[in-house]
PDB file of N, CA and C in Angstrom:
ATOM      1  N   UNK A   1      94.667 194.849  98.349  1.00  0.00           N
ATOM      2  CA  UNK A   1      95.887 195.410  97.854  1.00  0.00           C
ATOM      3  C   UNK A   1      95.595 195.952  96.460  1.00  0.00           C
ATOM      4  N   UNK A   2      96.158 197.088  96.151  1.00  0.00           N
ATOM      5  CA  UNK A   2      95.961 197.739  94.854  1.00  0.00           C
ATOM      6  C   UNK A   2      97.305 197.831  94.140  1.00  0.00           C
ATOM      7  N   UNK A   3      97.290 197.506  92.853  1.00  0.00           N
ATOM      8  CA  UNK A   3      98.492 197.607  92.021  1.00  0.00           C
ATOM      9  C   UNK A   3      98.175 198.536  90.861  1.00  0.00           C
ATOM     10  N   UNK A   4      99.059 199.482  90.604  1.00  0.00           N
ATOM     11  CA  UNK A   4      98.923 200.376  89.459  1.00  0.00           C
ATOM     12  C   UNK A   4      99.971 199.946  88.434  1.00  0.00           C
ATOM     13  N   UNK A   5      99.548 199.133  87.469  1.00  0.00           N
ATOM     14  CA  UNK A   5     100.464 198.601  86.463  1.00  0.00           C
ATOM     15  C   UNK A   5     100.913 199.711  85.514  1.00  0.00           C
ATOM     16  N   UNK A   6     102.172 199.657  85.111  1.00  0.00           N
ATOM     17  CA  UNK A   6     102.709 200.696  84.239  1.00  0.00           C
ATOM     18  C   UNK A   6     102.311 200.500  82.777  1.00  0.00           C
ATOM     19  N   UNK A   7     101.958 199.264  82.400  1.00  0.00           N
ATOM     20  CA  UNK A   7     101.535 198.993  81.025  1.00  0.00           C
ATOM     21  C   UNK A   7     100.752 197.681  80.992  1.00  0.00           C
ATOM     22  N   UNK A   8     100.295 197.285  79.796  1.00  0.00           N
ATOM     23  CA  UNK A   8      99.485 196.076  79.667  1.00  0.00           C
ATOM     24  C   UNK A   8     100.261 194.814  80.035  1.00  0.00           C
ATOM     25  N   UNK A   9     101.545 194.787  79.744  1.00  0.00           N
ATOM     26  CA  UNK A   9     102.365 193.627  80.094  1.00  0.00           C
ATOM     27  C   UNK A   9     102.439 193.465  81.620  1.00  0.00           C
ATOM     28  N   UNK A  10     102.614 194.564  82.316  1.00  0.00           N
ATOM     29  CA  UNK A  10     102.642 194.521  83.779  1.00  0.00           C
ATOM     30  C   UNK A  10     101.278 194.114  84.333  1.00  0.00           C
ATOM     31  N   UNK A  11     100.203 194.601  83.725  1.00  0.00           N
ATOM     32  CA  UNK A  11      98.855 194.220  84.163  1.00  0.00           C
ATOM     33  C   UNK A  11      98.650 192.715  83.988  1.00  0.00           C
ATOM     34  N   UNK A  12      99.145 192.158  82.891  1.00  0.00           N
ATOM     35  CA  UNK A  12      99.033 190.719  82.660  1.00  0.00           C
ATOM     36  C   UNK A  12      99.811 189.940  83.721  1.00  0.00           C
ATOM     37  N   UNK A  13     100.971 190.446  84.107  1.00  0.00           N
ATOM     38  CA  UNK A  13     101.770 189.828  85.168  1.00  0.00           C
ATOM     39  C   UNK A  13     100.946 189.703  86.447  1.00  0.00           C
ATOM     40  N   UNK A  14     100.307 190.804  86.844  1.00  0.00           N
ATOM     41  CA  UNK A  14      99.517 190.794  88.070  1.00  0.00           C
ATOM     42  C   UNK A  14      98.248 189.967  87.922  1.00  0.00           C
ATOM     43  N   UNK A  15      97.656 189.977  86.746  1.00  0.00           N
ATOM     44  CA  UNK A  15      96.457 189.160  86.511  1.00  0.00           C
ATOM     45  C   UNK A  15      96.778 187.673  86.678  1.00  0.00           C
ATOM     46  N   UNK A  16      97.967 187.251  86.280  1.00  0.00           N
ATOM     47  CA  UNK A  16      98.376 185.854  86.477  1.00  0.00           C
ATOM     48  C   UNK A  16      98.506 185.518  87.957  1.00  0.00           C
ATOM     49  N   UNK A  17      98.636 186.519  88.788  1.00  0.00           N
ATOM     50  CA  UNK A  17      98.727 186.329  90.233  1.00  0.00           C
ATOM     51  C   UNK A  17      97.393 186.616  90.916  1.00  0.00           C
ATOM     52  N   UNK A  18      96.330 186.496  90.152  1.00  0.00           N
ATOM     53  CA  UNK A  18      94.942 186.579  90.636  1.00  0.00           C
ATOM     54  C   UNK A  18      94.487 187.973  91.030  1.00  0.00           C
ATOM     55  N   UNK A  19      95.166 189.011  90.547  1.00  0.00           N
ATOM     56  CA  UNK A  19      94.681 190.370  90.744  1.00  0.00           C
ATOM     57  C   UNK A  19      93.635 190.644  89.664  1.00  0.00           C
ATOM     58  N   UNK A  20      92.623 191.401  90.004  1.00  0.00           N
ATOM     59  CA  UNK A  20      91.517 191.686  89.091  1.00  0.00           C
ATOM     60  C   UNK A  20      91.544 193.145  88.647  1.00  0.00           C
ATOM     61  N   UNK A  21      91.458 193.387  87.333  1.00  0.00           N
ATOM     62  CA  UNK A  21      91.464 194.767  86.845  1.00  0.00           C
ATOM     63  C   UNK A  21      90.140 195.469  87.146  1.00  0.00           C
ATOM     64  N   UNK A  22      90.226 196.753  87.398  1.00  0.00           N
ATOM     65  CA  UNK A  22      89.014 197.548  87.582  1.00  0.00           C
ATOM     66  C   UNK A  22      88.374 197.793  86.219  1.00  0.00           C
ATOM     67  N   UNK A  23      87.076 197.861  86.205  1.00  0.00           N
ATOM     68  CA  UNK A  23      86.327 198.033  84.952  1.00  0.00           C
ATOM     69  C   UNK A  23      86.695 199.342  84.242  1.00  0.00           C
ATOM     70  N   UNK A  24      86.833 200.421  85.002  1.00  0.00           N
ATOM     71  CA  UNK A  24      87.097 201.733  84.419  1.00  0.00           C
ATOM     72  C   UNK A  24      88.562 201.976  84.079  1.00  0.00           C
ATOM     73  N   UNK A  25      89.467 201.190  84.684  1.00  0.00           N
ATOM     74  CA  UNK A  25      90.898 201.377  84.463  1.00  0.00           C
ATOM     75  C   UNK A  25      91.589 200.012  84.540  1.00  0.00           C
ATOM     76  N   UNK A  26      91.790 199.342  83.401  1.00  0.00           N
ATOM     77  CA  UNK A  26      92.362 197.991  83.416  1.00  0.00           C
ATOM     78  C   UNK A  26      93.814 197.921  83.878  1.00  0.00           C
ATOM     79  N   UNK A  27      94.473 199.065  84.027  1.00  0.00           N
ATOM     80  CA  UNK A  27      95.839 199.061  84.543  1.00  0.00           C
ATOM     81  C   UNK A  27      95.865 199.184  86.069  1.00  0.00           C
ATOM     82  N   UNK A  28      94.711 199.320  86.680  1.00  0.00           N
ATOM     83  CA  UNK A  28      94.584 199.358  88.129  1.00  0.00           C
ATOM     84  C   UNK A  28      93.926 198.042  88.544  1.00  0.00           C
ATOM     85  N   UNK A  29      94.676 197.242  89.304  1.00  0.00           N
ATOM     86  CA  UNK A  29      94.208 195.912  89.670  1.00  0.00           C
ATOM     87  C   UNK A  29      94.126 195.780  91.183  1.00  0.00           C
ATOM     88  N   UNK A  30      93.203 194.930  91.643  1.00  0.00           N
ATOM     89  CA  UNK A  30      93.021 194.742  93.078  1.00  0.00           C
ATOM     90  C   UNK A  30      93.015 193.253  93.427  1.00  0.00           C
ATOM     91  N   UNK A  31      93.367 192.984  94.677  1.00  0.00           N
ATOM     92  CA  UNK A  31      93.214 191.640  95.243  1.00  0.00           C
ATOM     93  C   UNK A  31      92.973 191.827  96.729  1.00  0.00           C
ATOM     94  N   UNK A  32      91.885 191.255  97.229  1.00  0.00           N
ATOM     95  CA  UNK A  32      91.580 191.417  98.653  1.00  0.00           C
ATOM     96  C   UNK A  32      92.689 190.843  99.534  1.00  0.00           C
ATOM     97  N   UNK A  33      92.981 191.538 100.611  1.00  0.00           N
ATOM     98  CA  UNK A  33      93.996 191.086 101.565  1.00  0.00           C
ATOM     99  C   UNK A  33      93.616 189.705 102.109  1.00  0.00           C
ATOM    100  N   UNK A  34      92.336 189.437 102.277  1.00  0.00           N
ATOM    101  CA  UNK A  34      91.907 188.131 102.793  1.00  0.00           C
ATOM    102  C   UNK A  34      92.344 186.996 101.863  1.00  0.00           C
ATOM    103  N   UNK A  35      92.308 187.225 100.557  1.00  0.00           N
ATOM    104  CA  UNK A  35      92.765 186.213  99.605  1.00  0.00           C
ATOM    105  C   UNK A  35      94.279 186.035  99.670  1.00  0.00           C
ATOM    106  N   UNK A  36      94.992 187.119  99.834  1.00  0.00           N
ATOM    107  CA  UNK A  36      96.453 187.034  99.951  1.00  0.00           C
ATOM    108  C   UNK A  36      96.817 186.270 101.215  1.00  0.00           C
ATOM    109  N   UNK A  37      96.134 186.564 102.311  1.00  0.00           N
ATOM    110  CA  UNK A  37      96.406 185.864 103.574  1.00  0.00           C
ATOM    111  C   UNK A  37      96.113 184.371 103.435  1.00  0.00           C
ATOM    112  N   UNK A  38      95.033 184.022 102.764  1.00  0.00           N
ATOM    113  CA  UNK A  38      94.705 182.603 102.570  1.00  0.00           C
ATOM    114  C   UNK A  38      95.780 181.900 101.757  1.00  0.00           C
ATOM    115  N   UNK A  39      96.312 182.564 100.753  1.00  0.00           N
ATOM    116  CA  UNK A  39      97.381 181.998  99.948  1.00  0.00           C
ATOM    117  C   UNK A  39      98.627 181.787 100.795  1.00  0.00           C
ATOM    118  N   UNK A  40      98.950 182.743 101.632  1.00  0.00           N
ATOM    119  CA  UNK A  40     100.145 182.634 102.477  1.00  0.00           C
ATOM    120  C   UNK A  40     100.014 181.507 103.509  1.00  0.00           C
ATOM    121  N   UNK A  41      98.807 181.257 103.971  1.00  0.00           N
ATOM    122  CA  UNK A  41      98.603 180.172 104.936  1.00  0.00           C
ATOM    123  C   UNK A  41      98.873 178.807 104.301  1.00  0.00           C
ATOM    124  N   UNK A  42      98.785 178.702 102.987  1.00  0.00           N
ATOM    125  CA  UNK A  42      99.025 177.444 102.288  1.00  0.00           C
ATOM    126  C   UNK A  42     100.513 177.157 102.075  1.00  0.00           C
ATOM    127  N   UNK A  43     101.360 178.156 102.256  1.00  0.00           N
ATOM    128  CA  UNK A  43     102.804 177.994 102.049  1.00  0.00           C
ATOM    129  C   UNK A  43     103.408 177.327 103.285  1.00  0.00           C
ATOM    130  N   UNK A  44     104.144 176.213 103.087  1.00  0.00           N
ATOM    131  CA  UNK A  44     104.780 175.572 104.241  1.00  0.00           C
ATOM    132  C   UNK A  44     105.799 176.506 104.890  1.00  0.00           C
ATOM    133  N   UNK A  45     105.851 176.485 106.216  1.00  0.00           N
ATOM    134  CA  UNK A  45     106.792 177.365 106.913  1.00  0.00           C
ATOM    135  C   UNK A  45     108.039 176.633 107.352  1.00  0.00           C
TER     136      UNK A  45
END
């Protein structure tokens, strides 16, 4: 999943949720779908 943060505060928000900034553009952050799916599997249904 890719997030395009509007500013540094928004980038920090996503970084707290384990998204990683790209080296060339710190306002563009990524998190693999596999990691998101693993997190969702831990949530009780």
